[in-house]
PDB file of N, CA and C in Angstrom:
ATOM      1  N   MET A   1      18.413  19.348 -39.007  1.00  0.00           N
ATOM      2  CA  MET A   1      19.666  19.009 -39.651  1.00  0.00           C
ATOM      3  C   MET A   1      20.466  20.287 -39.886  1.00  0.00           C
ATOM      4  N   ILE A   2      21.768  20.176 -39.711  1.00  0.00           N
ATOM      5  CA  ILE A   2      22.677  21.279 -40.007  1.00  0.00           C
ATOM      6  C   ILE A   2      23.092  21.181 -41.470  1.00  0.00           C
ATOM      7  N   THR A   3      23.099  22.326 -42.138  1.00  0.00           N
ATOM      8  CA  THR A   3      23.634  22.398 -43.493  1.00  0.00           C
ATOM      9  C   THR A   3      24.856  23.299 -43.468  1.00  0.00           C
ATOM     10  N   ALA A   4      25.988  22.760 -43.897  1.00  0.00           N
ATOM     11  CA  ALA A   4      27.224  23.530 -44.031  1.00  0.00           C
ATOM     12  C   ALA A   4      27.481  23.683 -45.522  1.00  0.00           C
ATOM     13  N   LYS A   5      27.332  24.905 -45.999  1.00  0.00           N
ATOM     14  CA  LYS A   5      27.460  25.180 -47.435  1.00  0.00           C
ATOM     15  C   LYS A   5      28.751  25.974 -47.664  1.00  0.00           C
ATOM     16  N   PHE A   6      29.567  25.499 -48.606  1.00  0.00           N
ATOM     17  CA  PHE A   6      30.824  26.158 -48.945  1.00  0.00           C
ATOM     18  C   PHE A   6      30.716  26.703 -50.362  1.00  0.00           C
ATOM     19  N   PHE A   7      31.051  27.973 -50.516  1.00  0.00           N
ATOM     20  CA  PHE A   7      30.948  28.649 -51.801  1.00  0.00           C
ATOM     21  C   PHE A   7      32.321  28.658 -52.472  1.00  0.00           C
ATOM     22  N   LYS A   8      32.388  28.058 -53.664  1.00  0.00           N
ATOM     23  CA  LYS A   8      33.663  27.892 -54.353  1.00  0.00           C
ATOM     24  C   LYS A   8      33.641  28.559 -55.721  1.00  0.00           C
ATOM     25  N   ARG A   9      34.803  29.012 -56.123  1.00  0.00           N
ATOM     26  CA  ARG A   9      35.020  29.455 -57.501  1.00  0.00           C
ATOM     27  C   ARG A   9      36.362  28.867 -57.917  1.00  0.00           C
ATOM     28  N   GLU A  10      36.301  28.054 -58.963  1.00  0.00           N
ATOM     29  CA  GLU A  10      37.474  27.302 -59.417  1.00  0.00           C
ATOM     30  C   GLU A  10      37.973  26.453 -58.247  1.00  0.00           C
ATOM     31  N   ASP A  11      39.203  26.654 -57.813  1.00  0.00           N
ATOM     32  CA  ASP A  11      39.727  25.830 -56.720  1.00  0.00           C
ATOM     33  C   ASP A  11      39.777  26.580 -55.388  1.00  0.00           C
ATOM     34  N   LYS A  12      39.136  27.730 -55.302  1.00  0.00           N
ATOM     35  CA  LYS A  12      39.163  28.543 -54.085  1.00  0.00           C
ATOM     36  C   LYS A  12      37.810  28.520 -53.375  1.00  0.00           C
ATOM     37  N   ILE A  13      37.844  28.398 -52.059  1.00  0.00           N
ATOM     38  CA  ILE A  13      36.634  28.534 -51.252  1.00  0.00           C
ATOM     39  C   ILE A  13      36.526  30.006 -50.874  1.00  0.00           C
ATOM     40  N   LEU A  14      35.404  30.629 -51.226  1.00  0.00           N
ATOM     41  CA  LEU A  14      35.223  32.069 -51.029  1.00  0.00           C
ATOM     42  C   LEU A  14      34.362  32.405 -49.826  1.00  0.00           C
ATOM     43  N   GLY A  15      33.789  31.393 -49.190  1.00  0.00           N
ATOM     44  CA  GLY A  15      32.966  31.642 -48.021  1.00  0.00           C
ATOM     45  C   GLY A  15      32.185  30.405 -47.641  1.00  0.00           C
ATOM     46  N   PHE A  16      31.414  30.540 -46.568  1.00  0.00           N
ATOM     47  CA  PHE A  16      30.581  29.431 -46.118  1.00  0.00           C
ATOM     48  C   PHE A  16      29.352  29.957 -45.400  1.00  0.00           C
ATOM     49  N   GLN A  17      28.385  29.087 -45.246  1.00  0.00           N
ATOM     50  CA  GLN A  17      27.192  29.377 -44.448  1.00  0.00           C
ATOM     51  C   GLN A  17      26.804  28.098 -43.714  1.00  0.00           C
ATOM     52  N   ILE A  18      26.623  28.213 -42.412  1.00  0.00           N
ATOM     53  CA  ILE A  18      26.170  27.095 -41.586  1.00  0.00           C
ATOM     54  C   ILE A  18      24.802  27.482 -41.053  1.00  0.00           C
ATOM     55  N   SER A  19      23.838  26.573 -41.180  1.00  0.00           N
ATOM     56  CA  SER A  19      22.499  26.881 -40.677  1.00  0.00           C
ATOM     57  C   SER A  19      21.829  25.620 -40.154  1.00  0.00           C
ATOM     58  N   GLY A  20      20.921  25.831 -39.217  1.00  0.00           N
ATOM     59  CA  GLY A  20      20.125  24.738 -38.683  1.00  0.00           C
ATOM     60  C   GLY A  20      20.650  24.187 -37.375  1.00  0.00           C
ATOM     61  N   HIS A  21      19.911  23.239 -36.854  1.00  0.00           N
ATOM     62  CA  HIS A  21      20.269  22.535 -35.622  1.00  0.00           C
ATOM     63  C   HIS A  21      20.316  21.046 -35.929  1.00  0.00           C
ATOM     64  N   ALA A  22      21.248  20.354 -35.314  1.00  0.00           N
ATOM     65  CA  ALA A  22      21.439  18.935 -35.621  1.00  0.00           C
ATOM     66  C   ALA A  22      20.266  18.077 -35.159  1.00  0.00           C
ATOM     67  N   GLY A  23      19.769  18.331 -33.965  1.00  0.00           N
ATOM     68  CA  GLY A  23      18.716  17.480 -33.431  1.00  0.00           C
ATOM     69  C   GLY A  23      19.240  16.144 -32.929  1.00  0.00           C
ATOM     70  N   TYR A  24      20.536  16.058 -32.689  1.00  0.00           N
ATOM     71  CA  TYR A  24      21.151  14.831 -32.191  1.00  0.00           C
ATOM     72  C   TYR A  24      20.780  14.592 -30.728  1.00  0.00           C
ATOM     73  N   ALA A  25      20.717  15.683 -29.964  1.00  0.00           N
ATOM     74  CA  ALA A  25      20.372  15.614 -28.537  1.00  0.00           C
ATOM     75  C   ALA A  25      19.742  16.945 -28.139  1.00  0.00           C
ATOM     76  N   GLU A  26      19.340  17.035 -26.870  1.00  0.00           N
ATOM     77  CA  GLU A  26      18.748  18.275 -26.363  1.00  0.00           C
ATOM     78  C   GLU A  26      19.744  19.424 -26.462  1.00  0.00           C
ATOM     79  N   CYS A  27      19.206  20.632 -26.577  1.00  0.00           N
ATOM     80  CA  CYS A  27      20.029  21.835 -26.598  1.00  0.00           C
ATOM     81  C   CYS A  27      20.940  21.838 -25.363  1.00  0.00           C
ATOM     82  N   GLY A  28      22.199  22.124 -25.575  1.00  0.00           N
ATOM     83  CA  GLY A  28      23.164  22.110 -24.486  1.00  0.00           C
ATOM     84  C   GLY A  28      23.874  20.775 -24.327  1.00  0.00           C
ATOM     85  N   HIS A  29      23.357  19.736 -24.971  1.00  0.00           N
ATOM     86  CA  HIS A  29      23.954  18.400 -24.889  1.00  0.00           C
ATOM     87  C   HIS A  29      24.196  17.806 -26.272  1.00  0.00           C
ATOM     88  N   ASP A  30      24.046  18.605 -27.307  1.00  0.00           N
ATOM     89  CA  ASP A  30      24.137  18.122 -28.686  1.00  0.00           C
ATOM     90  C   ASP A  30      25.588  18.216 -29.164  1.00  0.00           C
ATOM     91  N   ILE A  31      26.269  17.067 -29.218  1.00  0.00           N
ATOM     92  CA  ILE A  31      27.684  17.071 -29.586  1.00  0.00           C
ATOM     93  C   ILE A  31      27.909  17.426 -31.053  1.00  0.00           C
ATOM     94  N   VAL A  32      26.933  17.192 -31.900  1.00  0.00           N
ATOM     95  CA  VAL A  32      27.083  17.547 -33.317  1.00  0.00           C
ATOM     96  C   VAL A  32      27.042  19.066 -33.465  1.00  0.00           C
ATOM     97  N   CYS A  33      26.062  19.710 -32.845  1.00  0.00           N
ATOM     98  CA  CYS A  33      26.000  21.183 -32.874  1.00  0.00           C
ATOM     99  C   CYS A  33      27.272  21.783 -32.272  1.00  0.00           C
ATOM    100  N   SER A  34      27.717  21.198 -31.178  1.00  0.00           N
ATOM    101  CA  SER A  34      28.922  21.684 -30.520  1.00  0.00           C
ATOM    102  C   SER A  34      30.145  21.568 -31.431  1.00  0.00           C
ATOM    103  N   ALA A  35      30.275  20.442 -32.101  1.00  0.00           N
ATOM    104  CA  ALA A  35      31.422  20.239 -32.995  1.00  0.00           C
ATOM    105  C   ALA A  35      31.401  21.224 -34.162  1.00  0.00           C
ATOM    106  N   VAL A  36      30.232  21.425 -34.749  1.00  0.00           N
ATOM    107  CA  VAL A  36      30.108  22.359 -35.876  1.00  0.00           C
ATOM    108  C   VAL A  36      30.411  23.786 -35.415  1.00  0.00           C
ATOM    109  N   SER A  37      29.874  24.179 -34.268  1.00  0.00           N
ATOM    110  CA  SER A  37      30.139  25.517 -33.734  1.00  0.00           C
ATOM    111  C   SER A  37      31.620  25.715 -33.452  1.00  0.00           C
ATOM    112  N   THR A  38      32.247  24.704 -32.875  1.00  0.00           N
ATOM    113  CA  THR A  38      33.672  24.793 -32.569  1.00  0.00           C
ATOM    114  C   THR A  38      34.494  24.969 -33.839  1.00  0.00           C
ATOM    115  N   LEU A  39      34.179  24.204 -34.870  1.00  0.00           N
ATOM    116  CA  LEU A  39      34.885  24.372 -36.146  1.00  0.00           C
ATOM    117  C   LEU A  39      34.700  25.787 -36.693  1.00  0.00           C
ATOM    118  N   GLY A  40      33.469  26.275 -36.680  1.00  0.00           N
ATOM    119  CA  GLY A  40      33.183  27.605 -37.217  1.00  0.00           C
ATOM    120  C   GLY A  40      33.891  28.715 -36.467  1.00  0.00           C
ATOM    121  N   TYR A  41      33.794  28.692 -35.137  1.00  0.00           N
ATOM    122  CA  TYR A  41      34.432  29.743 -34.335  1.00  0.00           C
ATOM    123  C   TYR A  41      35.955  29.663 -34.398  1.00  0.00           C
ATOM    124  N   THR A  42      36.506  28.449 -34.383  1.00  0.00           N
ATOM    125  CA  THR A  42      37.956  28.302 -34.480  1.00  0.00           C
ATOM    126  C   THR A  42      38.450  28.818 -35.826  1.00  0.00           C
ATOM    127  N   PHE A  43      37.717  28.510 -36.889  1.00  0.00           N
ATOM    128  CA  PHE A  43      38.070  29.018 -38.208  1.00  0.00           C
ATOM    129  C   PHE A  43      38.079  30.548 -38.201  1.00  0.00           C
ATOM    130  N   LEU A  44      36.998  31.165 -37.716  1.00  0.00           N
ATOM    131  CA  LEU A  44      36.929  32.633 -37.708  1.00  0.00           C
ATOM    132  C   LEU A  44      38.047  33.246 -36.875  1.00  0.00           C
ATOM    133  N   ASN A  45      38.365  32.633 -35.728  1.00  0.00           N
ATOM    134  CA  ASN A  45      39.479  33.135 -34.913  1.00  0.00           C
ATOM    135  C   ASN A  45      40.795  33.039 -35.673  1.00  0.00           C
ATOM    136  N   GLY A  46      40.998  31.949 -36.392  1.00  0.00           N
ATOM    137  CA  GLY A  46      42.219  31.806 -37.185  1.00  0.00           C
ATOM    138  C   GLY A  46      42.321  32.855 -38.275  1.00  0.00           C
ATOM    139  N   ILE A  47      41.208  33.095 -38.954  1.00  0.00           N
ATOM    140  CA  ILE A  47      41.191  34.087 -40.036  1.00  0.00           C
ATOM    141  C   ILE A  47      41.442  35.490 -39.497  1.00  0.00           C
ATOM    142  N   THR A  48      40.716  35.872 -38.441  1.00  0.00           N
ATOM    143  CA  THR A  48      40.811  37.253 -37.952  1.00  0.00           C
ATOM    144  C   THR A  48      42.019  37.496 -37.054  1.00  0.00           C
ATOM    145  N   ASP A  49      42.320  36.563 -36.153  1.00  0.00           N
ATOM    146  CA  ASP A  49      43.368  36.809 -35.159  1.00  0.00           C
ATOM    147  C   ASP A  49      44.750  36.320 -35.585  1.00  0.00           C
ATOM    148  N   VAL A  50      44.815  35.227 -36.326  1.00  0.00           N
ATOM    149  CA  VAL A  50      46.113  34.693 -36.738  1.00  0.00           C
ATOM    150  C   VAL A  50      46.534  35.283 -38.084  1.00  0.00           C
ATOM    151  N   LEU A  51      45.631  35.263 -39.060  1.00  0.00           N
ATOM    152  CA  LEU A  51      45.968  35.766 -40.396  1.00  0.00           C
ATOM    153  C   LEU A  51      45.685  37.257 -40.573  1.00  0.00           C
ATOM    154  N   SER A  52      45.007  37.867 -39.614  1.00  0.00           N
ATOM    155  CA  SER A  52      44.664  39.301 -39.662  1.00  0.00           C
ATOM    156  C   SER A  52      43.877  39.677 -40.909  1.00  0.00           C
ATOM    157  N   ILE A  53      42.972  38.782 -41.319  1.00  0.00           N
ATOM    158  CA  ILE A  53      42.067  39.051 -42.433  1.00  0.00           C
ATOM    159  C   ILE A  53      40.731  39.472 -41.832  1.00  0.00           C
ATOM    160  N   LYS A  54      40.090  40.432 -42.426  1.00  0.00           N
ATOM    161  CA  LYS A  54      38.810  40.935 -41.917  1.00  0.00           C
ATOM    162  C   LYS A  54      37.689  40.600 -42.902  1.00  0.00           C
ATOM    163  N   PRO A  55      37.186  39.367 -42.854  1.00  0.00           N
ATOM    164  CA  PRO A  55      36.101  38.998 -43.766  1.00  0.00           C
ATOM    165  C   PRO A  55      34.775  39.581 -43.293  1.00  0.00           C
ATOM    166  N   GLU A  56      33.800  39.512 -44.159  1.00  0.00           N
ATOM    167  CA  GLU A  56      32.432  39.863 -43.776  1.00  0.00           C
ATOM    168  C   GLU A  56      31.834  38.613 -43.127  1.00  0.00           C
ATOM    169  N   TYR A  57      31.245  38.757 -41.930  1.00  0.00           N
ATOM    170  CA  TYR A  57      30.610  37.592 -41.320  1.00  0.00           C
ATOM    171  C   TYR A  57      29.419  37.992 -40.461  1.00  0.00           C
ATOM    172  N   GLU A  58      28.572  37.012 -40.219  1.00  0.00           N
ATOM    173  CA  GLU A  58      27.354  37.202 -39.424  1.00  0.00           C
ATOM    174  C   GLU A  58      27.130  35.929 -38.612  1.00  0.00           C
ATOM    175  N   ILE A  59      26.798  36.106 -37.335  1.00  0.00           N
ATOM    176  CA  ILE A  59      26.542  34.967 -36.448  1.00  0.00           C
ATOM    177  C   ILE A  59      25.239  35.215 -35.700  1.00  0.00           C
ATOM    178  N   LYS A  60      24.374  34.211 -35.691  1.00  0.00           N
ATOM    179  CA  LYS A  60      23.138  34.234 -34.902  1.00  0.00           C
ATOM    180  C   LYS A  60      23.094  32.918 -34.131  1.00  0.00           C
ATOM    181  N   ASP A  61      23.648  32.925 -32.928  1.00  0.00           N
ATOM    182  CA  ASP A  61      23.772  31.692 -32.146  1.00  0.00           C
ATOM    183  C   ASP A  61      22.439  31.001 -31.911  1.00  0.00           C
ATOM    184  N   ASP A  62      21.412  31.754 -31.549  1.00  0.00           N
ATOM    185  CA  ASP A  62      20.113  31.140 -31.243  1.00  0.00           C
ATOM    186  C   ASP A  62      19.505  30.436 -32.449  1.00  0.00           C
ATOM    187  N   ASP A  63      19.820  30.929 -33.637  1.00  0.00           N
ATOM    188  CA  ASP A  63      19.275  30.346 -34.864  1.00  0.00           C
ATOM    189  C   ASP A  63      20.184  29.281 -35.469  1.00  0.00           C
ATOM    190  N   GLY A  64      21.357  29.055 -34.863  1.00  0.00           N
ATOM    191  CA  GLY A  64      22.303  28.109 -35.441  1.00  0.00           C
ATOM    192  C   GLY A  64      22.812  28.576 -36.791  1.00  0.00           C
ATOM    193  N   PHE A  65      23.115  29.871 -36.895  1.00  0.00           N
ATOM    194  CA  PHE A  65      23.487  30.460 -38.184  1.00  0.00           C
ATOM    195  C   PHE A  65      24.852  31.131 -38.092  1.00  0.00           C
ATOM    196  N   MET A  66      25.710  30.842 -39.064  1.00  0.00           N
ATOM    197  CA  MET A  66      27.003  31.499 -39.191  1.00  0.00           C
ATOM    198  C   MET A  66      27.295  31.612 -40.688  1.00  0.00           C
ATOM    199  N   ARG A  67      27.687  32.807 -41.098  1.00  0.00           N
ATOM    200  CA  ARG A  67      28.009  33.043 -42.500  1.00  0.00           C
ATOM    201  C   ARG A  67      29.285  33.864 -42.570  1.00  0.00           C
ATOM    202  N   MET A  68      30.162  33.533 -43.503  1.00  0.00           N
ATOM    203  CA  MET A  68      31.394  34.266 -43.692  1.00  0.00           C
ATOM    204  C   MET A  68      31.671  34.360 -45.186  1.00  0.00           C
ATOM    205  N   SER A  69      32.146  35.535 -45.602  1.00  0.00           N
ATOM    206  CA  SER A  69      32.439  35.753 -47.015  1.00  0.00           C
ATOM    207  C   SER A  69      33.701  36.596 -47.164  1.00  0.00           C
ATOM    208  N   PHE A  70      34.472  36.270 -48.172  1.00  0.00           N
ATOM    209  CA  PHE A  70      35.635  37.083 -48.529  1.00  0.00           C
ATOM    210  C   PHE A  70      35.272  38.089 -49.616  1.00  0.00           C
ATOM    211  N   LYS A  71      33.997  38.476 -49.671  1.00  0.00           N
ATOM    212  CA  LYS A  71      33.465  39.344 -50.723  1.00  0.00           C
ATOM    213  C   LYS A  71      34.329  40.582 -50.976  1.00  0.00           C
ATOM    214  N   ASP A  72      34.742  41.262 -49.925  1.00  0.00           N
ATOM    215  CA  ASP A  72      35.516  42.492 -50.081  1.00  0.00           C
ATOM    216  C   ASP A  72      36.996  42.301 -49.755  1.00  0.00           C
ATOM    217  N   SER A  73      37.443  41.051 -49.677  1.00  0.00           N
ATOM    218  CA  SER A  73      38.843  40.767 -49.347  1.00  0.00           C
ATOM    219  C   SER A  73      39.704  40.779 -50.606  1.00  0.00           C
ATOM    220  N   SER A  74      40.974  41.037 -50.403  1.00  0.00           N
ATOM    221  CA  SER A  74      41.907  41.040 -51.537  1.00  0.00           C
ATOM    222  C   SER A  74      42.163  39.611 -52.013  1.00  0.00           C
ATOM    223  N   LYS A  75      42.615  39.505 -53.238  1.00  0.00           N
ATOM    224  CA  LYS A  75      42.963  38.195 -53.801  1.00  0.00           C
ATOM    225  C   LYS A  75      44.052  37.534 -52.950  1.00  0.00           C
ATOM    226  N   GLU A  76      44.985  38.344 -52.484  1.00  0.00           N
ATOM    227  CA  GLU A  76      46.072  37.842 -51.630  1.00  0.00           C
ATOM    228  C   GLU A  76      45.522  37.236 -50.334  1.00  0.00           C
ATOM    229  N   ASP A  77      44.570  37.919 -49.698  1.00  0.00           N
ATOM    230  CA  ASP A  77      43.974  37.401 -48.463  1.00  0.00           C
ATOM    231  C   ASP A  77      43.185  36.112 -48.712  1.00  0.00           C
ATOM    232  N   ILE A  78      42.488  36.047 -49.829  1.00  0.00           N
ATOM    233  CA  ILE A  78      41.724  34.836 -50.166  1.00  0.00           C
ATOM    234  C   ILE A  78      42.674  33.651 -50.327  1.00  0.00           C
ATOM    235  N   ILE A  79      43.789  33.872 -50.997  1.00  0.00           N
ATOM    236  CA  ILE A  79      44.778  32.803 -51.172  1.00  0.00           C
ATOM    237  C   ILE A  79      45.368  32.408 -49.823  1.00  0.00           C
ATOM    238  N   LYS A  80      45.692  33.407 -49.005  1.00  0.00           N
ATOM    239  CA  LYS A  80      46.278  33.156 -47.685  1.00  0.00           C
ATOM    240  C   LYS A  80      45.339  32.335 -46.797  1.00  0.00           C
ATOM    241  N   ALA A  81      44.040  32.492 -46.970  1.00  0.00           N
ATOM    242  CA  ALA A  81      43.049  31.830 -46.117  1.00  0.00           C
ATOM    243  C   ALA A  81      42.713  30.405 -46.547  1.00  0.00           C
ATOM    244  N   GLN A  82      43.193  29.976 -47.702  1.00  0.00           N
ATOM    245  CA  GLN A  82      42.739  28.696 -48.250  1.00  0.00           C
ATOM    246  C   GLN A  82      43.097  27.478 -47.398  1.00  0.00           C
ATOM    247  N   VAL A  83      44.236  27.482 -46.735  1.00  0.00           N
ATOM    248  CA  VAL A  83      44.582  26.333 -45.885  1.00  0.00           C
ATOM    249  C   VAL A  83      43.545  26.179 -44.778  1.00  0.00           C
ATOM    250  N   LEU A  84      43.160  27.287 -44.158  1.00  0.00           N
ATOM    251  CA  LEU A  84      42.131  27.207 -43.109  1.00  0.00           C
ATOM    252  C   LEU A  84      40.775  26.827 -43.692  1.00  0.00           C
ATOM    253  N   MET A  85      40.437  27.375 -44.846  1.00  0.00           N
ATOM    254  CA  MET A  85      39.147  27.036 -45.472  1.00  0.00           C
ATOM    255  C   MET A  85      39.082  25.547 -45.808  1.00  0.00           C
ATOM    256  N   GLN A  86      40.144  25.014 -46.399  1.00  0.00           N
ATOM    257  CA  GLN A  86      40.171  23.594 -46.753  1.00  0.00           C
ATOM    258  C   GLN A  86      40.125  22.721 -45.500  1.00  0.00           C
ATOM    259  N   THR A  87      40.787  23.174 -44.432  1.00  0.00           N
ATOM    260  CA  THR A  87      40.773  22.434 -43.170  1.00  0.00           C
ATOM    261  C   THR A  87      39.374  22.413 -42.574  1.00  0.00           C
ATOM    262  N   MET A  88      38.680  23.542 -42.632  1.00  0.00           N
ATOM    263  CA  MET A  88      37.310  23.577 -42.122  1.00  0.00           C
ATOM    264  C   MET A  88      36.398  22.666 -42.942  1.00  0.00           C
ATOM    265  N   LEU A  89      36.522  22.715 -44.264  1.00  0.00           N
ATOM    266  CA  LEU A  89      35.729  21.837 -45.122  1.00  0.00           C
ATOM    267  C   LEU A  89      36.005  20.371 -44.785  1.00  0.00           C
ATOM    268  N   LEU A  90      37.254  20.013 -44.610  1.00  0.00           N
ATOM    269  CA  LEU A  90      37.619  18.642 -44.248  1.00  0.00           C
ATOM    270  C   LEU A  90      36.994  18.243 -42.912  1.00  0.00           C
ATOM    271  N   GLY A  91      37.038  19.155 -41.935  1.00  0.00           N
ATOM    272  CA  GLY A  91      36.415  18.883 -40.639  1.00  0.00           C
ATOM    273  C   GLY A  91      34.922  18.634 -40.762  1.00  0.00           C
ATOM    274  N   MET A  92      34.242  19.445 -41.562  1.00  0.00           N
ATOM    275  CA  MET A  92      32.798  19.256 -41.763  1.00  0.00           C
ATOM    276  C   MET A  92      32.509  17.944 -42.487  1.00  0.00           C
ATOM    277  N   GLU A  93      33.329  17.613 -43.478  1.00  0.00           N
ATOM    278  CA  GLU A  93      33.126  16.349 -44.191  1.00  0.00           C
ATOM    279  C   GLU A  93      33.353  15.149 -43.274  1.00  0.00           C
ATOM    280  N   ASN A  94      34.309  15.255 -42.351  1.00  0.00           N
ATOM    281  CA  ASN A  94      34.525  14.181 -41.380  1.00  0.00           C
ATOM    282  C   ASN A  94      33.338  14.047 -40.434  1.00  0.00           C
ATOM    283  N   LEU A  95      32.764  15.169 -40.013  1.00  0.00           N
ATOM    284  CA  LEU A  95      31.556  15.108 -39.177  1.00  0.00           C
ATOM    285  C   LEU A  95      30.410  14.456 -39.937  1.00  0.00           C
ATOM    286  N   LYS A  96      30.313  14.754 -41.225  1.00  0.00           N
ATOM    287  CA  LYS A  96      29.265  14.141 -42.041  1.00  0.00           C
ATOM    288  C   LYS A  96      29.433  12.621 -42.098  1.00  0.00           C
ATOM    289  N   ILE A  97      30.668  12.149 -42.198  1.00  0.00           N
ATOM    290  CA  ILE A  97      30.923  10.703 -42.204  1.00  0.00           C
ATOM    291  C   ILE A  97      30.434  10.075 -40.898  1.00  0.00           C
ATOM    292  N   LEU A  98      30.700  10.735 -39.787  1.00  0.00           N
ATOM    293  CA  LEU A  98      30.332  10.190 -38.476  1.00  0.00           C
ATOM    294  C   LEU A  98      28.863  10.395 -38.128  1.00  0.00           C
ATOM    295  N   TYR A  99      28.294  11.524 -38.540  1.00  0.00           N
ATOM    296  CA  TYR A  99      26.933  11.902 -38.130  1.00  0.00           C
ATOM    297  C   TYR A  99      26.103  12.337 -39.334  1.00  0.00           C
ATOM    298  N   GLY A 100      26.118  11.541 -40.383  1.00  0.00           N
ATOM    299  CA  GLY A 100      25.469  11.895 -41.643  1.00  0.00           C
ATOM    300  C   GLY A 100      23.977  12.147 -41.567  1.00  0.00           C
ATOM    301  N   ASP A 101      23.308  11.630 -40.547  1.00  0.00           N
ATOM    302  CA  ASP A 101      21.875  11.893 -40.390  1.00  0.00           C
ATOM    303  C   ASP A 101      21.602  13.279 -39.825  1.00  0.00           C
ATOM    304  N   TYR A 102      22.655  13.966 -39.375  1.00  0.00           N
ATOM    305  CA  TYR A 102      22.472  15.235 -38.670  1.00  0.00           C
ATOM    306  C   TYR A 102      23.162  16.422 -39.335  1.00  0.00           C
ATOM    307  N   ILE A 103      24.005  16.161 -40.328  1.00  0.00           N
ATOM    308  CA  ILE A 103      24.722  17.245 -40.998  1.00  0.00           C
ATOM    309  C   ILE A 103      24.836  16.948 -42.493  1.00  0.00           C
ATOM    310  N   LYS A 104      24.653  17.996 -43.275  1.00  0.00           N
ATOM    311  CA  LYS A 104      24.795  17.912 -44.730  1.00  0.00           C
ATOM    312  C   LYS A 104      25.856  18.933 -45.139  1.00  0.00           C
ATOM    313  N   VAL A 105      26.778  18.526 -46.003  1.00  0.00           N
ATOM    314  CA  VAL A 105      27.825  19.413 -46.503  1.00  0.00           C
ATOM    315  C   VAL A 105      27.590  19.613 -47.997  1.00  0.00           C
ATOM    316  N   VAL A 106      27.512  20.878 -48.398  1.00  0.00           N
ATOM    317  CA  VAL A 106      27.230  21.236 -49.787  1.00  0.00           C
ATOM    318  C   VAL A 106      28.364  22.117 -50.300  1.00  0.00           C
ATOM    319  N   LYS A 107      28.837  21.823 -51.502  1.00  0.00           N
ATOM    320  CA  LYS A 107      29.824  22.675 -52.174  1.00  0.00           C
ATOM    321  C   LYS A 107      29.126  23.294 -53.373  1.00  0.00           C
ATOM    322  N   GLU A 108      29.062  24.611 -53.386  1.00  0.00           N
ATOM    323  CA  GLU A 108      28.317  25.321 -54.431  1.00  0.00           C
ATOM    324  C   GLU A 108      29.249  26.228 -55.226  1.00  0.00           C
ATOM    325  N   GLU A 109      29.256  26.062 -56.532  1.00  0.00           N
ATOM    326  CA  GLU A 109      30.034  26.947 -57.409  1.00  0.00           C
ATOM    327  C   GLU A 109      29.326  28.299 -57.506  1.00  0.00           C
ATOM    328  N   VAL A 110      30.098  29.365 -57.382  1.00  0.00           N
ATOM    329  CA  VAL A 110      29.529  30.719 -57.479  1.00  0.00           C
ATOM    330  C   VAL A 110      30.223  31.514 -58.565  1.00  0.00           C
TER     331      VAL A 110
END
């Protein structure tokens, strides 16, 4: 199962961590893993290439792991990134509705 964890403080999402494999289908044919990866990579591209924010992040494709944090980002950058963060959370929640046996979405206050 994939776990998509979003770290929140008040009304701001400060980061996320995606881990695990869906197990929906064989590696290379798993549409749930593919959808989650696409959301994660598209989000990171939007943050770094469109908004020019440089968050701290780590990706381990073989392990199904992606983590991103605004730990060292300015308050202004965190605010600027919220539309993309909320969009990513919404995308993950929609995947959970469709494939709830394969993905779990967690919102954790930090």
